[in-house]
Amino acid sequence: MNKSYLSKNFMPISMIGFSLIVYTIGIMVVDDQVSWVKGILFGLLFSLLKFKLMEMAFNKAVTMPESKAKNYATMHYIIRYFLTGIILVVAAVEPSINILGTFFGIISMKAGAYLQLFLKNK
């Protein structure tokens, strides 16, 4: 794999890697493996979408005047977390989606960010 490709796409790759690790551990522990897989995929896909939305919002906010950029970034922050709440409610209500798997899929972005910080300090 090309080094520039890896550095450009580090976050999505690390999010998928984290989700694969959690998937592997969870498959050995949970009873309903199908709902576990659905939960992980549901959370991961939403997390990847949220990451892309964040990237687009920041790229646009950088080109705006400071006062407008702050309001724009804040509004997108609120929208992203409102959507996160909706995703968790849907996972809680739908019995075929494991809510814990969805949660781990969602926090894959945080795990990727911490991994990036850890590797940058090394």
PDB file of N, CA and C in Angstrom:
ATOM      1  N   MET A   1       0.839  -1.171   0.000  1.00  0.00           N
ATOM      2  CA  MET A   1       0.000   0.000   0.000  1.00  0.00           C
ATOM      3  C   MET A   1       0.891   1.243   0.000  1.00  0.00           C
ATOM      4  N   ASN A   2       0.544   2.190  -0.804  1.00  0.00           N
ATOM      5  CA  ASN A   2       1.267   3.437  -0.953  1.00  0.00           C
ATOM      6  C   ASN A   2       1.245   4.235   0.354  1.00  0.00           C
ATOM      7  N   LYS A   3       2.393   4.810   0.746  1.00  0.00           N
ATOM      8  CA  LYS A   3       2.479   5.536   2.016  1.00  0.00           C
ATOM      9  C   LYS A   3       1.606   6.785   2.010  1.00  0.00           C
ATOM     10  N   SER A   4       1.525   7.511   0.897  1.00  0.00           N
ATOM     11  CA  SER A   4       0.680   8.707   0.843  1.00  0.00           C
ATOM     12  C   SER A   4      -0.796   8.328   0.912  1.00  0.00           C
ATOM     13  N   TYR A   5      -1.168   7.204   0.306  1.00  0.00           N
ATOM     14  CA  TYR A   5      -2.547   6.729   0.393  1.00  0.00           C
ATOM     15  C   TYR A   5      -2.897   6.406   1.839  1.00  0.00           C
ATOM     16  N   LEU A   6      -1.974   5.745   2.527  1.00  0.00           N
ATOM     17  CA  LEU A   6      -2.197   5.372   3.921  1.00  0.00           C
ATOM     18  C   LEU A   6      -2.317   6.604   4.805  1.00  0.00           C
ATOM     19  N   SER A   7      -1.454   7.592   4.615  1.00  0.00           N
ATOM     20  CA  SER A   7      -1.523   8.779   5.458  1.00  0.00           C
ATOM     21  C   SER A   7      -2.773   9.601   5.158  1.00  0.00           C
ATOM     22  N   LYS A   8      -3.202   9.620   3.913  1.00  0.00           N
ATOM     23  CA  LYS A   8      -4.402  10.380   3.531  1.00  0.00           C
ATOM     24  C   LYS A   8      -5.664   9.710   4.076  1.00  0.00           C
ATOM     25  N   ASN A   9      -5.688   8.405   4.089  1.00  0.00           N
ATOM     26  CA  ASN A   9      -6.876   7.652   4.502  1.00  0.00           C
ATOM     27  C   ASN A   9      -6.681   6.923   5.829  1.00  0.00           C
ATOM     28  N   PHE A  10      -5.835   7.454   6.696  1.00  0.00           N
ATOM     29  CA  PHE A  10      -5.521   6.766   7.941  1.00  0.00           C
ATOM     30  C   PHE A  10      -6.752   6.597   8.835  1.00  0.00           C
ATOM     31  N   MET A  11      -7.536   7.655   8.973  1.00  0.00           N
ATOM     32  CA  MET A  11      -8.699   7.585   9.863  1.00  0.00           C
ATOM     33  C   MET A  11      -9.702   6.525   9.419  1.00  0.00           C
ATOM     34  N   PRO A  12     -10.165   6.546   8.171  1.00  0.00           N
ATOM     35  CA  PRO A  12     -11.121   5.494   7.790  1.00  0.00           C
ATOM     36  C   PRO A  12     -10.538   4.080   7.911  1.00  0.00           C
ATOM     37  N   ILE A  13      -9.268   3.921   7.576  1.00  0.00           N
ATOM     38  CA  ILE A  13      -8.639   2.604   7.678  1.00  0.00           C
ATOM     39  C   ILE A  13      -8.555   2.167   9.139  1.00  0.00           C
ATOM     40  N   SER A  14      -8.174   3.077  10.034  1.00  0.00           N
ATOM     41  CA  SER A  14      -8.081   2.713  11.448  1.00  0.00           C
ATOM     42  C   SER A  14      -9.465   2.478  12.051  1.00  0.00           C
ATOM     43  N   MET A  15     -10.479   3.191  11.566  1.00  0.00           N
ATOM     44  CA  MET A  15     -11.846   2.953  12.043  1.00  0.00           C
ATOM     45  C   MET A  15     -12.315   1.554  11.644  1.00  0.00           C
ATOM     46  N   ILE A  16     -12.032   1.170  10.424  1.00  0.00           N
ATOM     47  CA  ILE A  16     -12.404  -0.166   9.954  1.00  0.00           C
ATOM     48  C   ILE A  16     -11.609  -1.231  10.711  1.00  0.00           C
ATOM     49  N   GLY A  17     -10.323  -0.974  10.941  1.00  0.00           N
ATOM     50  CA  GLY A  17      -9.491  -1.913  11.695  1.00  0.00           C
ATOM     51  C   GLY A  17      -9.991  -2.115  13.114  1.00  0.00           C
ATOM     52  N   PHE A  18     -10.340  -1.019  13.790  1.00  0.00           N
ATOM     53  CA  PHE A  18     -10.880  -1.111  15.144  1.00  0.00           C
ATOM     54  C   PHE A  18     -12.179  -1.915  15.141  1.00  0.00           C
ATOM     55  N   SER A  19     -13.031  -1.641  14.168  1.00  0.00           N
ATOM     56  CA  SER A  19     -14.314  -2.353  14.090  1.00  0.00           C
ATOM     57  C   SER A  19     -14.101  -3.846  13.833  1.00  0.00           C
ATOM     58  N   LEU A  20     -13.096  -4.192  13.038  1.00  0.00           N
ATOM     59  CA  LEU A  20     -12.803  -5.609  12.795  1.00  0.00           C
ATOM     60  C   LEU A  20     -12.323  -6.310  14.066  1.00  0.00           C
ATOM     61  N   ILE A  21     -11.525  -5.602  14.862  1.00  0.00           N
ATOM     62  CA  ILE A  21     -11.051  -6.178  16.132  1.00  0.00           C
ATOM     63  C   ILE A  21     -12.228  -6.399  17.075  1.00  0.00           C
ATOM     64  N   VAL A  22     -13.087  -5.376  17.204  1.00  0.00           N
ATOM     65  CA  VAL A  22     -14.260  -5.493  18.078  1.00  0.00           C
ATOM     66  C   VAL A  22     -15.206  -6.570  17.561  1.00  0.00           C
ATOM     67  N   TYR A  23     -15.365  -6.644  16.251  1.00  0.00           N
ATOM     68  CA  TYR A  23     -16.205  -7.678  15.638  1.00  0.00           C
ATOM     69  C   TYR A  23     -15.696  -9.070  16.009  1.00  0.00           C
ATOM     70  N   THR A  24     -14.398  -9.270  15.872  1.00  0.00           N
ATOM     71  CA  THR A  24     -13.806 -10.585  16.146  1.00  0.00           C
ATOM     72  C   THR A  24     -13.997 -10.981  17.602  1.00  0.00           C
ATOM     73  N   ILE A  25     -13.766 -10.040  18.505  1.00  0.00           N
ATOM     74  CA  ILE A  25     -13.945 -10.334  19.932  1.00  0.00           C
ATOM     75  C   ILE A  25     -15.422 -10.588  20.238  1.00  0.00           C
ATOM     76  N   GLY A  26     -16.286  -9.750  19.686  1.00  0.00           N
ATOM     77  CA  GLY A  26     -17.707  -9.876  19.958  1.00  0.00           C
ATOM     78  C   GLY A  26     -18.329 -11.140  19.415  1.00  0.00           C
ATOM     79  N   ILE A  27     -17.867 -11.595  18.277  1.00  0.00           N
ATOM     80  CA  ILE A  27     -18.410 -12.818  17.660  1.00  0.00           C
ATOM     81  C   ILE A  27     -18.218 -14.008  18.597  1.00  0.00           C
ATOM     82  N   MET A  28     -17.141 -13.979  19.396  1.00  0.00           N
ATOM     83  CA  MET A  28     -16.873 -15.074  20.327  1.00  0.00           C
ATOM     84  C   MET A  28     -17.698 -14.966  21.604  1.00  0.00           C
ATOM     85  N   VAL A  29     -18.220 -13.781  21.885  1.00  0.00           N
ATOM     86  CA  VAL A  29     -18.883 -13.539  23.168  1.00  0.00           C
ATOM     87  C   VAL A  29     -20.411 -13.518  23.061  1.00  0.00           C
ATOM     88  N   VAL A  30     -20.945 -12.893  22.019  1.00  0.00           N
ATOM     89  CA  VAL A  30     -22.395 -12.694  21.938  1.00  0.00           C
ATOM     90  C   VAL A  30     -23.115 -13.949  21.449  1.00  0.00           C
ATOM     91  N   ASP A  31     -24.390 -14.031  21.788  1.00  0.00           N
ATOM     92  CA  ASP A  31     -25.210 -15.166  21.350  1.00  0.00           C
ATOM     93  C   ASP A  31     -25.744 -14.958  19.935  1.00  0.00           C
ATOM     94  N   ASP A  32     -26.257 -13.759  19.663  1.00  0.00           N
ATOM     95  CA  ASP A  32     -26.847 -13.453  18.356  1.00  0.00           C
ATOM     96  C   ASP A  32     -25.815 -12.754  17.476  1.00  0.00           C
ATOM     97  N   GLN A  33     -25.059 -13.546  16.729  1.00  0.00           N
ATOM     98  CA  GLN A  33     -23.963 -12.996  15.939  1.00  0.00           C
ATOM     99  C   GLN A  33     -24.436 -12.140  14.772  1.00  0.00           C
ATOM    100  N   VAL A  34     -25.592 -12.442  14.213  1.00  0.00           N
ATOM    101  CA  VAL A  34     -26.098 -11.667  13.083  1.00  0.00           C
ATOM    102  C   VAL A  34     -26.425 -10.239  13.524  1.00  0.00           C
ATOM    103  N   SER A  35     -27.091 -10.098  14.664  1.00  0.00           N
ATOM    104  CA  SER A  35     -27.402  -8.751  15.139  1.00  0.00           C
ATOM    105  C   SER A  35     -26.132  -8.005  15.543  1.00  0.00           C
ATOM    106  N   TRP A  36     -25.124  -8.727  16.028  1.00  0.00           N
ATOM    107  CA  TRP A  36     -23.846  -8.120  16.382  1.00  0.00           C
ATOM    108  C   TRP A  36     -23.177  -7.536  15.129  1.00  0.00           C
ATOM    109  N   VAL A  37     -23.163  -8.310  14.065  1.00  0.00           N
ATOM    110  CA  VAL A  37     -22.570  -7.844  12.813  1.00  0.00           C
ATOM    111  C   VAL A  37     -23.338  -6.642  12.273  1.00  0.00           C
ATOM    112  N   LYS A  38     -24.668  -6.721  12.317  1.00  0.00           N
ATOM    113  CA  LYS A  38     -25.477  -5.586  11.864  1.00  0.00           C
ATOM    114  C   LYS A  38     -25.193  -4.339  12.696  1.00  0.00           C
ATOM    115  N   GLY A  39     -25.054  -4.508  13.995  1.00  0.00           N
ATOM    116  CA  GLY A  39     -24.764  -3.376  14.869  1.00  0.00           C
ATOM    117  C   GLY A  39     -23.422  -2.745  14.559  1.00  0.00           C
ATOM    118  N   ILE A  40     -22.397  -3.566  14.422  1.00  0.00           N
ATOM    119  CA  ILE A  40     -21.050  -3.057  14.093  1.00  0.00           C
ATOM    120  C   ILE A  40     -21.084  -2.326  12.755  1.00  0.00           C
ATOM    121  N   LEU A  41     -21.690  -2.947  11.742  1.00  0.00           N
ATOM    122  CA  LEU A  41     -21.744  -2.320  10.415  1.00  0.00           C
ATOM    123  C   LEU A  41     -22.561  -1.036  10.426  1.00  0.00           C
ATOM    124  N   PHE A  42     -23.687  -1.039  11.125  1.00  0.00           N
ATOM    125  CA  PHE A  42     -24.543   0.141  11.225  1.00  0.00           C
ATOM    126  C   PHE A  42     -23.780   1.297  11.870  1.00  0.00           C
ATOM    127  N   GLY A  43     -23.109   1.022  12.983  1.00  0.00           N
ATOM    128  CA  GLY A  43     -22.341   2.058  13.669  1.00  0.00           C
ATOM    129  C   GLY A  43     -21.137   2.516  12.866  1.00  0.00           C
ATOM    130  N   LEU A  44     -20.440   1.580  12.240  1.00  0.00           N
ATOM    131  CA  LEU A  44     -19.255   1.919  11.450  1.00  0.00           C
ATOM    132  C   LEU A  44     -19.622   2.758  10.237  1.00  0.00           C
ATOM    133  N   LEU A  45     -20.659   2.354   9.515  1.00  0.00           N
ATOM    134  CA  LEU A  45     -21.060   3.128   8.337  1.00  0.00           C
ATOM    135  C   LEU A  45     -21.485   4.540   8.726  1.00  0.00           C
ATOM    136  N   PHE A  46     -22.217   4.651   9.822  1.00  0.00           N
ATOM    137  CA  PHE A  46     -22.600   5.981  10.284  1.00  0.00           C
ATOM    138  C   PHE A  46     -21.370   6.785  10.708  1.00  0.00           C
ATOM    139  N   SER A  47     -20.436   6.136  11.370  1.00  0.00           N
ATOM    140  CA  SER A  47     -19.227   6.823  11.819  1.00  0.00           C
ATOM    141  C   SER A  47     -18.381   7.300  10.632  1.00  0.00           C
ATOM    142  N   LEU A  48     -18.286   6.487   9.600  1.00  0.00           N
ATOM    143  CA  LEU A  48     -17.565   6.903   8.390  1.00  0.00           C
ATOM    144  C   LEU A  48     -18.259   8.083   7.715  1.00  0.00           C
ATOM    145  N   LEU A  49     -19.587   8.044   7.686  1.00  0.00           N
ATOM    146  CA  LEU A  49     -20.352   9.163   7.133  1.00  0.00           C
ATOM    147  C   LEU A  49     -20.145  10.424   7.969  1.00  0.00           C
ATOM    148  N   LYS A  50     -20.172  10.269   9.284  1.00  0.00           N
ATOM    149  CA  LYS A  50     -19.968  11.402  10.185  1.00  0.00           C
ATOM    150  C   LYS A  50     -18.567  11.992  10.013  1.00  0.00           C
ATOM    151  N   PHE A  51     -17.584  11.139   9.807  1.00  0.00           N
ATOM    152  CA  PHE A  51     -16.220  11.618   9.576  1.00  0.00           C
ATOM    153  C   PHE A  51     -16.141  12.430   8.284  1.00  0.00           C
ATOM    154  N   LYS A  52     -16.790  11.940   7.244  1.00  0.00           N
ATOM    155  CA  LYS A  52     -16.783  12.657   5.960  1.00  0.00           C
ATOM    156  C   LYS A  52     -17.514  13.992   6.093  1.00  0.00           C
ATOM    157  N   LEU A  53     -18.641  14.017   6.796  1.00  0.00           N
ATOM    158  CA  LEU A  53     -19.359  15.264   7.027  1.00  0.00           C
ATOM    159  C   LEU A  53     -18.508  16.265   7.803  1.00  0.00           C
ATOM    160  N   MET A  54     -17.777  15.752   8.788  1.00  0.00           N
ATOM    161  CA  MET A  54     -16.903  16.609   9.575  1.00  0.00           C
ATOM    162  C   MET A  54     -15.789  17.192   8.708  1.00  0.00           C
ATOM    163  N   GLU A  55     -15.212  16.370   7.880  1.00  0.00           N
ATOM    164  CA  GLU A  55     -14.145  16.813   6.985  1.00  0.00           C
ATOM    165  C   GLU A  55     -14.654  17.896   6.025  1.00  0.00           C
ATOM    166  N   MET A  56     -15.833  17.677   5.453  1.00  0.00           N
ATOM    167  CA  MET A  56     -16.390  18.657   4.527  1.00  0.00           C
ATOM    168  C   MET A  56     -16.729  19.966   5.243  1.00  0.00           C
ATOM    169  N   ALA A  57     -17.271  19.875   6.446  1.00  0.00           N
ATOM    170  CA  ALA A  57     -17.631  21.074   7.205  1.00  0.00           C
ATOM    171  C   ALA A  57     -16.388  21.878   7.571  1.00  0.00           C
ATOM    172  N   PHE A  58     -15.327  21.198   7.987  1.00  0.00           N
ATOM    173  CA  PHE A  58     -14.097  21.916   8.349  1.00  0.00           C
ATOM    174  C   PHE A  58     -13.441  22.553   7.133  1.00  0.00           C
ATOM    175  N   ASN A  59     -13.438  21.844   6.020  1.00  0.00           N
ATOM    176  CA  ASN A  59     -12.859  22.412   4.799  1.00  0.00           C
ATOM    177  C   ASN A  59     -13.612  23.659   4.355  1.00  0.00           C
ATOM    178  N   LYS A  60     -14.927  23.653   4.501  1.00  0.00           N
ATOM    179  CA  LYS A  60     -15.712  24.817   4.129  1.00  0.00           C
ATOM    180  C   LYS A  60     -15.547  25.947   5.151  1.00  0.00           C
ATOM    181  N   ALA A  61     -15.496  25.601   6.429  1.00  0.00           N
ATOM    182  CA  ALA A  61     -15.375  26.616   7.485  1.00  0.00           C
ATOM    183  C   ALA A  61     -14.049  27.365   7.397  1.00  0.00           C
ATOM    184  N   VAL A  62     -13.017  26.714   6.920  1.00  0.00           N
ATOM    185  CA  VAL A  62     -11.699  27.356   6.805  1.00  0.00           C
ATOM    186  C   VAL A  62     -11.737  28.514   5.815  1.00  0.00           C
ATOM    187  N   THR A  63     -12.589  28.426   4.822  1.00  0.00           N
ATOM    188  CA  THR A  63     -12.657  29.473   3.800  1.00  0.00           C
ATOM    189  C   THR A  63     -13.595  30.625   4.184  1.00  0.00           C
ATOM    190  N   MET A  64     -14.290  30.499   5.310  1.00  0.00           N
ATOM    191  CA  MET A  64     -15.251  31.527   5.722  1.00  0.00           C
ATOM    192  C   MET A  64     -14.609  32.543   6.654  1.00  0.00           C
ATOM    193  N   PRO A  65     -15.241  33.708   6.801  1.00  0.00           N
ATOM    194  CA  PRO A  65     -14.797  34.647   7.836  1.00  0.00           C
ATOM    195  C   PRO A  65     -14.979  34.001   9.221  1.00  0.00           C
ATOM    196  N   GLU A  66     -14.207  34.460  10.182  1.00  0.00           N
ATOM    197  CA  GLU A  66     -14.155  33.793  11.486  1.00  0.00           C
ATOM    198  C   GLU A  66     -15.520  33.687  12.167  1.00  0.00           C
ATOM    199  N   SER A  67     -16.296  34.750  12.165  1.00  0.00           N
ATOM    200  CA  SER A  67     -17.592  34.713  12.858  1.00  0.00           C
ATOM    201  C   SER A  67     -18.561  33.727  12.199  1.00  0.00           C
ATOM    202  N   LYS A  68     -18.585  33.712  10.878  1.00  0.00           N
ATOM    203  CA  LYS A  68     -19.453  32.769  10.172  1.00  0.00           C
ATOM    204  C   LYS A  68     -18.950  31.334  10.329  1.00  0.00           C
ATOM    205  N   ALA A  69     -17.646  31.161  10.323  1.00  0.00           N
ATOM    206  CA  ALA A  69     -17.066  29.828  10.444  1.00  0.00           C
ATOM    207  C   ALA A  69     -17.406  29.212  11.790  1.00  0.00           C
ATOM    208  N   LYS A  70     -17.366  30.017  12.841  1.00  0.00           N
ATOM    209  CA  LYS A  70     -17.671  29.498  14.171  1.00  0.00           C
ATOM    210  C   LYS A  70     -19.119  29.017  14.230  1.00  0.00           C
ATOM    211  N   ASN A  71     -20.041  29.821  13.722  1.00  0.00           N
ATOM    212  CA  ASN A  71     -21.454  29.425  13.722  1.00  0.00           C
ATOM    213  C   ASN A  71     -21.691  28.203  12.840  1.00  0.00           C
ATOM    214  N   TYR A  72     -21.038  28.163  11.692  1.00  0.00           N
ATOM    215  CA  TYR A  72     -21.180  27.049  10.762  1.00  0.00           C
ATOM    216  C   TYR A  72     -20.669  25.753  11.405  1.00  0.00           C
ATOM    217  N   ALA A  73     -19.502  25.806  12.020  1.00  0.00           N
ATOM    218  CA  ALA A  73     -18.925  24.623  12.653  1.00  0.00           C
ATOM    219  C   ALA A  73     -19.775  24.161  13.835  1.00  0.00           C
ATOM    220  N   THR A  74     -20.281  25.107  14.616  1.00  0.00           N
ATOM    221  CA  THR A  74     -21.121  24.757  15.754  1.00  0.00           C
ATOM    222  C   THR A  74     -22.412  24.086  15.297  1.00  0.00           C
ATOM    223  N   MET A  75     -23.015  24.618  14.254  1.00  0.00           N
ATOM    224  CA  MET A  75     -24.251  24.045  13.736  1.00  0.00           C
ATOM    225  C   MET A  75     -24.025  22.619  13.221  1.00  0.00           C
ATOM    226  N   HIS A  76     -22.921  22.410  12.526  1.00  0.00           N
ATOM    227  CA  HIS A  76     -22.623  21.061  12.030  1.00  0.00           C
ATOM    228  C   HIS A  76     -22.302  20.101  13.170  1.00  0.00           C
ATOM    229  N   TYR A  77     -21.677  20.601  14.221  1.00  0.00           N
ATOM    230  CA  TYR A  77     -21.403  19.801  15.418  1.00  0.00           C
ATOM    231  C   TYR A  77     -22.719  19.328  16.029  1.00  0.00           C
ATOM    232  N   ILE A  78     -23.684  20.234  16.161  1.00  0.00           N
ATOM    233  CA  ILE A  78     -24.987  19.895  16.730  1.00  0.00           C
ATOM    234  C   ILE A  78     -25.709  18.882  15.838  1.00  0.00           C
ATOM    235  N   ILE A  79     -25.666  19.092  14.549  1.00  0.00           N
ATOM    236  CA  ILE A  79     -26.321  18.166  13.611  1.00  0.00           C
ATOM    237  C   ILE A  79     -25.716  16.765  13.717  1.00  0.00           C
ATOM    238  N   ARG A  80     -24.387  16.678  13.763  1.00  0.00           N
ATOM    239  CA  ARG A  80     -23.727  15.370  13.843  1.00  0.00           C
ATOM    240  C   ARG A  80     -24.119  14.627  15.116  1.00  0.00           C
ATOM    241  N   TYR A  81     -24.175  15.310  16.241  1.00  0.00           N
ATOM    242  CA  TYR A  81     -24.521  14.628  17.488  1.00  0.00           C
ATOM    243  C   TYR A  81     -26.008  14.341  17.599  1.00  0.00           C
ATOM    244  N   PHE A  82     -26.845  15.142  16.981  1.00  0.00           N
ATOM    245  CA  PHE A  82     -28.266  14.834  16.895  1.00  0.00           C
ATOM    246  C   PHE A  82     -28.454  13.554  16.076  1.00  0.00           C
ATOM    247  N   LEU A  83     -27.746  13.452  14.960  1.00  0.00           N
ATOM    248  CA  LEU A  83     -27.812  12.238  14.135  1.00  0.00           C
ATOM    249  C   LEU A  83     -27.290  11.012  14.891  1.00  0.00           C
ATOM    250  N   THR A  84     -26.266  11.196  15.700  1.00  0.00           N
ATOM    251  CA  THR A  84     -25.741  10.099  16.515  1.00  0.00           C
ATOM    252  C   THR A  84     -26.815   9.596  17.471  1.00  0.00           C
ATOM    253  N   GLY A  85     -27.540  10.525  18.082  1.00  0.00           N
ATOM    254  CA  GLY A  85     -28.630  10.137  18.974  1.00  0.00           C
ATOM    255  C   GLY A  85     -29.707   9.362  18.244  1.00  0.00           C
ATOM    256  N   ILE A  86     -30.049   9.808  17.046  1.00  0.00           N
ATOM    257  CA  ILE A  86     -31.062   9.107  16.249  1.00  0.00           C
ATOM    258  C   ILE A  86     -30.598   7.689  15.919  1.00  0.00           C
ATOM    259  N   ILE A  87     -29.336   7.555  15.547  1.00  0.00           N
ATOM    260  CA  ILE A  87     -28.791   6.237  15.213  1.00  0.00           C
ATOM    261  C   ILE A  87     -28.852   5.304  16.419  1.00  0.00           C
ATOM    262  N   LEU A  88     -28.519   5.811  17.597  1.00  0.00           N
ATOM    263  CA  LEU A  88     -28.565   4.975  18.805  1.00  0.00           C
ATOM    264  C   LEU A  88     -30.001   4.604  19.168  1.00  0.00           C
ATOM    265  N   VAL A  89     -30.930   5.522  18.971  1.00  0.00           N
ATOM    266  CA  VAL A  89     -32.340   5.212  19.239  1.00  0.00           C
ATOM    267  C   VAL A  89     -32.839   4.149  18.264  1.00  0.00           C
ATOM    268  N   VAL A  90     -32.496   4.285  17.002  1.00  0.00           N
ATOM    269  CA  VAL A  90     -32.903   3.281  16.010  1.00  0.00           C
ATOM    270  C   VAL A  90     -32.327   1.914  16.380  1.00  0.00           C
ATOM    271  N   ALA A  91     -31.068   1.880  16.796  1.00  0.00           N
ATOM    272  CA  ALA A  91     -30.445   0.605  17.179  1.00  0.00           C
ATOM    273  C   ALA A  91     -31.103   0.024  18.432  1.00  0.00           C
ATOM    274  N   ALA A  92     -31.543   0.893  19.336  1.00  0.00           N
ATOM    275  CA  ALA A  92     -32.192   0.415  20.563  1.00  0.00           C
ATOM    276  C   ALA A  92     -33.590  -0.126  20.279  1.00  0.00           C
ATOM    277  N   VAL A  93     -34.285   0.484  19.334  1.00  0.00           N
ATOM    278  CA  VAL A  93     -35.664   0.087  19.028  1.00  0.00           C
ATOM    279  C   VAL A  93     -35.706  -1.144  18.114  1.00  0.00           C
ATOM    280  N   GLU A  94     -34.773  -1.236  17.191  1.00  0.00           N
ATOM    281  CA  GLU A  94     -34.760  -2.343  16.220  1.00  0.00           C
ATOM    282  C   GLU A  94     -34.088  -3.575  16.851  1.00  0.00           C
ATOM    283  N   PRO A  95     -34.856  -4.653  17.049  1.00  0.00           N
ATOM    284  CA  PRO A  95     -34.276  -5.832  17.710  1.00  0.00           C
ATOM    285  C   PRO A  95     -33.235  -6.586  16.876  1.00  0.00           C
ATOM    286  N   SER A  96     -33.205  -6.360  15.573  1.00  0.00           N
ATOM    287  CA  SER A  96     -32.238  -7.097  14.748  1.00  0.00           C
ATOM    288  C   SER A  96     -30.879  -6.408  14.682  1.00  0.00           C
ATOM    289  N   ILE A  97     -30.731  -5.270  15.391  1.00  0.00           N
ATOM    290  CA  ILE A  97     -29.455  -4.547  15.432  1.00  0.00           C
ATOM    291  C   ILE A  97     -28.989  -4.486  16.882  1.00  0.00           C
ATOM    292  N   ASN A  98     -27.803  -4.974  17.143  1.00  0.00           N
ATOM    293  CA  ASN A  98     -27.243  -4.955  18.485  1.00  0.00           C
ATOM    294  C   ASN A  98     -26.788  -3.542  18.837  1.00  0.00           C
ATOM    295  N   ILE A  99     -27.326  -2.981  19.911  1.00  0.00           N
ATOM    296  CA  ILE A  99     -27.009  -1.600  20.277  1.00  0.00           C
ATOM    297  C   ILE A  99     -25.561  -1.465  20.736  1.00  0.00           C
ATOM    298  N   LEU A 100     -25.027  -2.466  21.417  1.00  0.00           N
ATOM    299  CA  LEU A 100     -23.632  -2.404  21.847  1.00  0.00           C
ATOM    300  C   LEU A 100     -22.694  -2.434  20.635  1.00  0.00           C
ATOM    301  N   GLY A 101     -23.025  -3.241  19.643  1.00  0.00           N
ATOM    302  CA  GLY A 101     -22.248  -3.258  18.403  1.00  0.00           C
ATOM    303  C   GLY A 101     -22.307  -1.921  17.698  1.00  0.00           C
ATOM    304  N   THR A 102     -23.490  -1.293  17.688  1.00  0.00           N
ATOM    305  CA  THR A 102     -23.638   0.038  17.094  1.00  0.00           C
ATOM    306  C   THR A 102     -22.782   1.049  17.831  1.00  0.00           C
ATOM    307  N   PHE A 103     -22.788   0.970  19.157  1.00  0.00           N
ATOM    308  CA  PHE A 103     -21.972   1.868  19.968  1.00  0.00           C
ATOM    309  C   PHE A 103     -20.490   1.722  19.627  1.00  0.00           C
ATOM    310  N   PHE A 104     -20.015   0.491  19.538  1.00  0.00           N
ATOM    311  CA  PHE A 104     -18.604   0.279  19.198  1.00  0.00           C
ATOM    312  C   PHE A 104     -18.278   0.750  17.791  1.00  0.00           C
ATOM    313  N   GLY A 105     -19.213   0.591  16.867  1.00  0.00           N
ATOM    314  CA  GLY A 105     -19.011   1.117  15.518  1.00  0.00           C
ATOM    315  C   GLY A 105     -18.909   2.635  15.522  1.00  0.00           C
ATOM    316  N   ILE A 106     -19.726   3.279  16.349  1.00  0.00           N
ATOM    317  CA  ILE A 106     -19.707   4.742  16.434  1.00  0.00           C
ATOM    318  C   ILE A 106     -18.413   5.244  17.062  1.00  0.00           C
ATOM    319  N   ILE A 107     -17.940   4.562  18.108  1.00  0.00           N
ATOM    320  CA  ILE A 107     -16.718   5.061  18.759  1.00  0.00           C
ATOM    321  C   ILE A 107     -15.447   4.690  17.993  1.00  0.00           C
ATOM    322  N   SER A 108     -15.603   4.027  16.856  1.00  0.00           N
ATOM    323  CA  SER A 108     -14.422   3.695  16.057  1.00  0.00           C
ATOM    324  C   SER A 108     -13.682   4.964  15.617  1.00  0.00           C
ATOM    325  N   MET A 109     -14.408   6.078  15.458  1.00  0.00           N
ATOM    326  CA  MET A 109     -13.745   7.331  15.087  1.00  0.00           C
ATOM    327  C   MET A 109     -12.834   7.809  16.214  1.00  0.00           C
ATOM    328  N   LYS A 110     -13.291   7.653  17.432  1.00  0.00           N
ATOM    329  CA  LYS A 110     -12.468   8.047  18.577  1.00  0.00           C
ATOM    330  C   LYS A 110     -11.226   7.156  18.674  1.00  0.00           C
ATOM    331  N   ALA A 111     -11.415   5.864  18.464  1.00  0.00           N
ATOM    332  CA  ALA A 111     -10.278   4.942  18.508  1.00  0.00           C
ATOM    333  C   ALA A 111      -9.265   5.283  17.426  1.00  0.00           C
ATOM    334  N   GLY A 112      -9.746   5.624  16.225  1.00  0.00           N
ATOM    335  CA  GLY A 112      -8.846   6.017  15.141  1.00  0.00           C
ATOM    336  C   GLY A 112      -8.092   7.295  15.460  1.00  0.00           C
ATOM    337  N   ALA A 113      -8.772   8.235  16.103  1.00  0.00           N
ATOM    338  CA  ALA A 113      -8.116   9.495  16.469  1.00  0.00           C
ATOM    339  C   ALA A 113      -7.037   9.257  17.517  1.00  0.00           C
ATOM    340  N   TYR A 114      -7.338   8.410  18.511  1.00  0.00           N
ATOM    341  CA  TYR A 114      -6.333   8.110  19.532  1.00  0.00           C
ATOM    342  C   TYR A 114      -5.155   7.345  18.943  1.00  0.00           C
ATOM    343  N   LEU A 115      -5.414   6.447  18.027  1.00  0.00           N
ATOM    344  CA  LEU A 115      -4.340   5.696  17.372  1.00  0.00           C
ATOM    345  C   LEU A 115      -3.452   6.638  16.572  1.00  0.00           C
ATOM    346  N   GLN A 116      -4.065   7.581  15.876  1.00  0.00           N
ATOM    347  CA  GLN A 116      -3.301   8.553  15.103  1.00  0.00           C
ATOM    348  C   GLN A 116      -2.432   9.399  16.026  1.00  0.00           C
ATOM    349  N   LEU A 117      -2.978   9.822  17.164  1.00  0.00           N
ATOM    350  CA  LEU A 117      -2.211  10.597  18.141  1.00  0.00           C
ATOM    351  C   LEU A 117      -1.052   9.777  18.685  1.00  0.00           C
ATOM    352  N   PHE A 118      -1.335   8.507  19.019  1.00  0.00           N
ATOM    353  CA  PHE A 118      -0.305   7.623  19.563  1.00  0.00           C
ATOM    354  C   PHE A 118       0.831   7.422  18.561  1.00  0.00           C
ATOM    355  N   LEU A 119       0.497   7.174  17.313  1.00  0.00           N
ATOM    356  CA  LEU A 119       1.526   6.944  16.288  1.00  0.00           C
ATOM    357  C   LEU A 119       2.292   8.215  15.948  1.00  0.00           C
ATOM    358  N   LYS A 120       1.631   9.362  16.050  1.00  0.00           N
ATOM    359  CA  LYS A 120       2.298  10.628  15.762  1.00  0.00           C
ATOM    360  C   LYS A 120       3.349  10.948  16.815  1.00  0.00           C
ATOM    361  N   ASN A 121       3.087  10.572  18.066  1.00  0.00           N
ATOM    362  CA  ASN A 121       4.027  10.831  19.160  1.00  0.00           C
ATOM    363  C   ASN A 121       5.207   9.881  19.140  1.00  0.00           C
ATOM    364  N   LYS A 122       5.092   8.770  18.441  1.00  0.00           N
ATOM    365  CA  LYS A 122       6.195   7.796  18.418  1.00  0.00           C
ATOM    366  C   LYS A 122       7.242   8.181  17.440  1.00  0.00           C
TER     367      LYS A 122
END
